[in-house]
C-alpha atoms as a PDB file:
ATOM      1  CA  MET A   1     -18.432   1.721  25.458  1.00  0.00           C
ATOM      2  CA  MET A   2     -18.812  -0.826  22.317  1.00  0.00           C
ATOM      3  CA  THR A   3     -21.131  -0.684  19.155  1.00  0.00           C
ATOM      4  CA  ASN A   4     -22.295  -2.457  16.881  1.00  0.00           C
ATOM      5  CA  ASP A   5     -21.252  -0.285  13.992  1.00  0.00           C
ATOM      6  CA  THR A   6     -19.545  -2.386  11.162  1.00  0.00           C
ATOM      7  CA  PRO A   7     -16.209  -0.752  10.003  1.00  0.00           C
ATOM      8  CA  GLN A   8     -17.673   0.048   6.635  1.00  0.00           C
ATOM      9  CA  GLY A   9     -19.998   2.432   8.964  1.00  0.00           C
ATOM     10  CA  GLY A  10     -23.359   0.266   8.226  1.00  0.00           C
ATOM     11  CA  ALA A  11     -24.847  -1.266  11.121  1.00  0.00           C
ATOM     12  CA  LEU A  12     -25.341  -5.139  11.150  1.00  0.00           C
ATOM     13  CA  PRO A  13     -28.943  -5.615  13.153  1.00  0.00           C
ATOM     14  CA  SER A  14     -29.046  -6.694  16.765  1.00  0.00           C
ATOM     15  CA  LEU A  15     -29.053 -10.420  17.967  1.00  0.00           C
ATOM     16  CA  GLU A  16     -31.776  -9.837  20.252  1.00  0.00           C
ATOM     17  CA  GLY A  17     -34.192 -12.941  20.280  1.00  0.00           C
ATOM     18  CA  ARG A  18     -32.553 -14.309  17.159  1.00  0.00           C
ATOM     19  CA  VAL A  19     -32.209 -18.147  16.715  1.00  0.00           C
ATOM     20  CA  PHE A  20     -29.435 -19.943  15.383  1.00  0.00           C
ATOM     21  CA  THR A  21     -28.642 -23.590  14.050  1.00  0.00           C
ATOM     22  CA  ASP A  22     -25.265 -25.397  13.046  1.00  0.00           C
ATOM     23  CA  VAL A  23     -24.620 -25.878   9.488  1.00  0.00           C
ATOM     24  CA  THR A  24     -21.319 -27.045   9.280  1.00  0.00           C
ATOM     25  CA  ASP A  25     -20.994 -29.863   7.430  1.00  0.00           C
ATOM     26  CA  ASP A  26     -17.853 -31.860   9.607  1.00  0.00           C
ATOM     27  CA  HIS A  27     -19.098 -31.406  13.392  1.00  0.00           C
ATOM     28  CA  ALA A  28     -15.819 -31.771  15.774  1.00  0.00           C
ATOM     29  CA  GLY A  29     -17.638 -30.611  18.942  1.00  0.00           C
ATOM     30  CA  ASP A  30     -20.941 -31.445  20.797  1.00  0.00           C
ATOM     31  CA  VAL A  31     -22.950 -28.883  18.797  1.00  0.00           C
ATOM     32  CA  GLY A  32     -24.464 -30.117  15.872  1.00  0.00           C
ATOM     33  CA  ALA A  33     -27.329 -29.444  13.626  1.00  0.00           C
ATOM     34  CA  ASP A  34     -30.067 -30.328  16.188  1.00  0.00           C
ATOM     35  CA  THR A  35     -28.551 -27.764  18.611  1.00  0.00           C
ATOM     36  CA  ARG A  36     -30.412 -24.232  18.707  1.00  0.00           C
ATOM     37  CA  PHE A  37     -28.898 -21.001  19.907  1.00  0.00           C
ATOM     38  CA  GLU A  38     -31.269 -18.177  21.427  1.00  0.00           C
ATOM     39  CA  TYR A  39     -29.315 -14.741  21.376  1.00  0.00           C
ATOM     40  CA  HIS A  40     -29.726 -11.823  23.584  1.00  0.00           C
ATOM     41  CA  GLU A  41     -27.506  -8.322  23.372  1.00  0.00           C
ATOM     42  CA  GLU A  42     -27.495  -5.336  25.116  1.00  0.00           C
ATOM     43  CA  PRO A  43     -26.863  -2.269  23.992  1.00  0.00           C
ATOM     44  CA  ASP A  44     -23.541  -1.974  25.089  1.00  0.00           C
ATOM     45  CA  GLY A  45     -22.662  -5.203  23.497  1.00  0.00           C
ATOM     46  CA  VAL A  46     -22.694  -7.769  26.305  1.00  0.00           C
ATOM     47  CA  VAL A  47     -24.166 -10.972  24.402  1.00  0.00           C
ATOM     48  CA  TRP A  48     -25.429 -14.099  26.140  1.00  0.00           C
ATOM     49  CA  ALA A  49     -27.474 -17.083  24.941  1.00  0.00           C
ATOM     50  CA  ARG A  50     -29.053 -20.380  25.996  1.00  0.00           C
ATOM     51  CA  TYR A  51     -28.501 -23.573  23.434  1.00  0.00           C
ATOM     52  CA  ALA A  52     -29.774 -26.926  23.706  1.00  0.00           C
ATOM     53  CA  GLY A  53     -30.750 -30.004  21.087  1.00  0.00           C
ATOM     54  CA  GLY A  54     -29.051 -33.395  19.854  1.00  0.00           C
ATOM     55  CA  THR A  55     -26.249 -34.095  22.434  1.00  0.00           C
ATOM     56  CA  VAL A  56     -26.397 -30.926  24.193  1.00  0.00           C
ATOM     57  CA  ARG A  57     -28.809 -30.899  27.175  1.00  0.00           C
ATOM     58  CA  LEU A  58     -28.449 -27.408  27.929  1.00  0.00           C
ATOM     59  CA  GLY A  59     -25.379 -25.184  27.591  1.00  0.00           C
ATOM     60  CA  HIS A  60     -25.101 -21.124  27.969  1.00  0.00           C
ATOM     61  CA  LEU A  61     -22.496 -18.343  26.435  1.00  0.00           C
ATOM     62  CA  VAL A  62     -21.608 -14.996  27.606  1.00  0.00           C
ATOM     63  CA  GLY A  63     -19.430 -12.404  26.085  1.00  0.00           C
ATOM     64  CA  THR A  64     -18.940  -9.198  24.083  1.00  0.00           C
ATOM     65  CA  ARG A  65     -19.907  -7.735  20.690  1.00  0.00           C
ATOM     66  CA  HIS A  66     -17.841  -5.444  18.991  1.00  0.00           C
ATOM     67  CA  ALA A  67     -19.156  -4.430  15.112  1.00  0.00           C
ATOM     68  CA  ASP A  68     -19.032  -7.592  13.403  1.00  0.00           C
ATOM     69  CA  ARG A  69     -17.216  -9.637  16.315  1.00  0.00           C
ATOM     70  CA  LEU A  70     -18.202 -12.126  18.858  1.00  0.00           C
ATOM     71  CA  ASP A  71     -15.758 -13.315  21.557  1.00  0.00           C
ATOM     72  CA  PHE A  72     -17.374 -15.423  24.093  1.00  0.00           C
ATOM     73  CA  ARG A  73     -16.867 -18.158  26.690  1.00  0.00           C
ATOM     74  CA  TYR A  74     -19.477 -21.102  26.402  1.00  0.00           C
ATOM     75  CA  SER A  75     -20.462 -23.864  29.050  1.00  0.00           C
ATOM     76  CA  HIS A  76     -22.802 -26.953  28.681  1.00  0.00           C
ATOM     77  CA  VAL A  77     -23.690 -30.357  29.954  1.00  0.00           C
ATOM     78  CA  THR A  78     -24.160 -33.272  27.623  1.00  0.00           C
ATOM     79  CA  VAL A  79     -27.253 -35.656  27.298  1.00  0.00           C
ATOM     80  CA  ASP A  80     -24.611 -38.206  29.084  1.00  0.00           C
ATOM     81  CA  GLY A  81     -23.773 -35.596  31.754  1.00  0.00           C
ATOM     82  CA  THR A  82     -20.575 -34.828  30.495  1.00  0.00           C
ATOM     83  CA  THR A  83     -19.890 -30.927  31.040  1.00  0.00           C
ATOM     84  CA  ALA A  84     -17.515 -29.123  28.773  1.00  0.00           C
ATOM     85  CA  SER A  85     -16.376 -25.080  27.884  1.00  0.00           C
ATOM     86  CA  GLY A  86     -14.591 -23.461  25.617  1.00  0.00           C
ATOM     87  CA  HIS A  87     -14.097 -20.312  24.020  1.00  0.00           C
ATOM     88  CA  CYS A  88     -14.997 -19.084  20.762  1.00  0.00           C
ATOM     89  CA  ARG A  89     -14.397 -16.045  18.603  1.00  0.00           C
ATOM     90  CA  SER A  90     -16.766 -15.300  15.582  1.00  0.00           C
ATOM     91  CA  THR A  91     -17.373 -13.099  12.859  1.00  0.00           C
ATOM     92  CA  ILE A  92     -20.725 -12.054  12.162  1.00  0.00           C
ATOM     93  CA  VAL A  93     -22.181 -11.921   8.290  1.00  0.00           C
ATOM     94  CA  GLN A  94     -25.321 -10.751   6.814  1.00  0.00           C
ATOM     95  CA  ARG A  95     -26.102 -13.163   3.772  1.00  0.00           C
ATOM     96  CA  ASP A  96     -27.880 -11.753   1.001  1.00  0.00           C
ATOM     97  CA  ASP A  97     -31.320 -12.866   2.361  1.00  0.00           C
ATOM     98  CA  GLY A  98     -31.003 -10.967   5.350  1.00  0.00           C
ATOM     99  CA  ARG A  99     -30.155 -13.917   7.888  1.00  0.00           C
ATOM    100  CA  LEU A 100     -27.610 -13.326  10.341  1.00  0.00           C
ATOM    101  CA  GLU A 101     -24.280 -16.327  10.197  1.00  0.00           C
ATOM    102  CA  PHE A 102     -21.491 -16.691  12.517  1.00  0.00           C
ATOM    103  CA  HIS A 103     -18.079 -17.943  11.506  1.00  0.00           C
ATOM    104  CA  GLU A 104     -16.592 -19.398  14.342  1.00  0.00           C
ATOM    105  CA  SER A 105     -12.886 -20.391  15.619  1.00  0.00           C
ATOM    106  CA  TRP A 106     -13.521 -22.383  18.771  1.00  0.00           C
ATOM    107  CA  GLU A 107     -11.367 -24.191  21.276  1.00  0.00           C
ATOM    108  CA  TRP A 108     -11.988 -26.333  24.355  1.00  0.00           C
ATOM    109  CA  GLU A 109     -10.604 -25.539  27.601  1.00  0.00           C
ATOM    110  CA  SER A 110     -11.902 -28.391  29.406  1.00  0.00           C
ATOM    111  CA  GLN A 111     -10.345 -31.013  27.189  1.00  0.00           C
ATOM    112  CA  PRO A 112      -8.046 -31.160  24.443  1.00  0.00           C
ATOM    113  CA  GLY A 113      -9.702 -29.985  20.783  1.00  0.00           C
ATOM    114  CA  ARG A 114     -10.160 -27.036  18.452  1.00  0.00           C
ATOM    115  CA  GLY A 115     -12.478 -26.230  15.184  1.00  0.00           C
ATOM    116  CA  THR A 116     -14.205 -24.094  13.276  1.00  0.00           C
ATOM    117  CA  SER A 117     -18.029 -24.048  12.453  1.00  0.00           C
ATOM    118  CA  VAL A 118     -20.745 -21.855  10.859  1.00  0.00           C
ATOM    119  CA  VAL A 119     -23.989 -21.021  12.542  1.00  0.00           C
ATOM    120  CA  ARG A 120     -26.944 -19.853  10.794  1.00  0.00           C
ATOM    121  CA  GLU A 121     -29.911 -17.429  11.411  1.00  0.00           C
ATOM    122  CA  VAL A 122     -33.173 -19.911  11.276  1.00  0.00           C
ATOM    123  CA  THR A 123     -35.924 -18.568   9.512  1.00  0.00           C
ATOM    124  CA  ARG A 124     -38.810 -17.541  11.290  1.00  0.00           C
ATOM    125  CA  SER A 125     -42.240 -18.831  10.453  1.00  0.00           C
END
């Protein structure tokens, strides 16, 4: 069974219901600052999210979490009707202000290309 305990023994919070946006300066993929991800997490470490915004009309990702690591596949359709899919591995970091951030390394599986990105939890109002 997977757990969400960090290797140091402290627990990072659940991703359930948290909303994230891309804060990467250089956008090599379809996701951008207008894309919003709403994450869900099961107690056994299964993670999924729905995302949309900017050039992404609708996307889904599904994968697993183990401690501070995410490993998932994503698939989306852009506003012009193009579909795309790929694989991403992320490290979860908790910022000093309490928000979570994912440091991501991704690679397209439906086309050539790869990159890195950072997504950050949106402050709830």
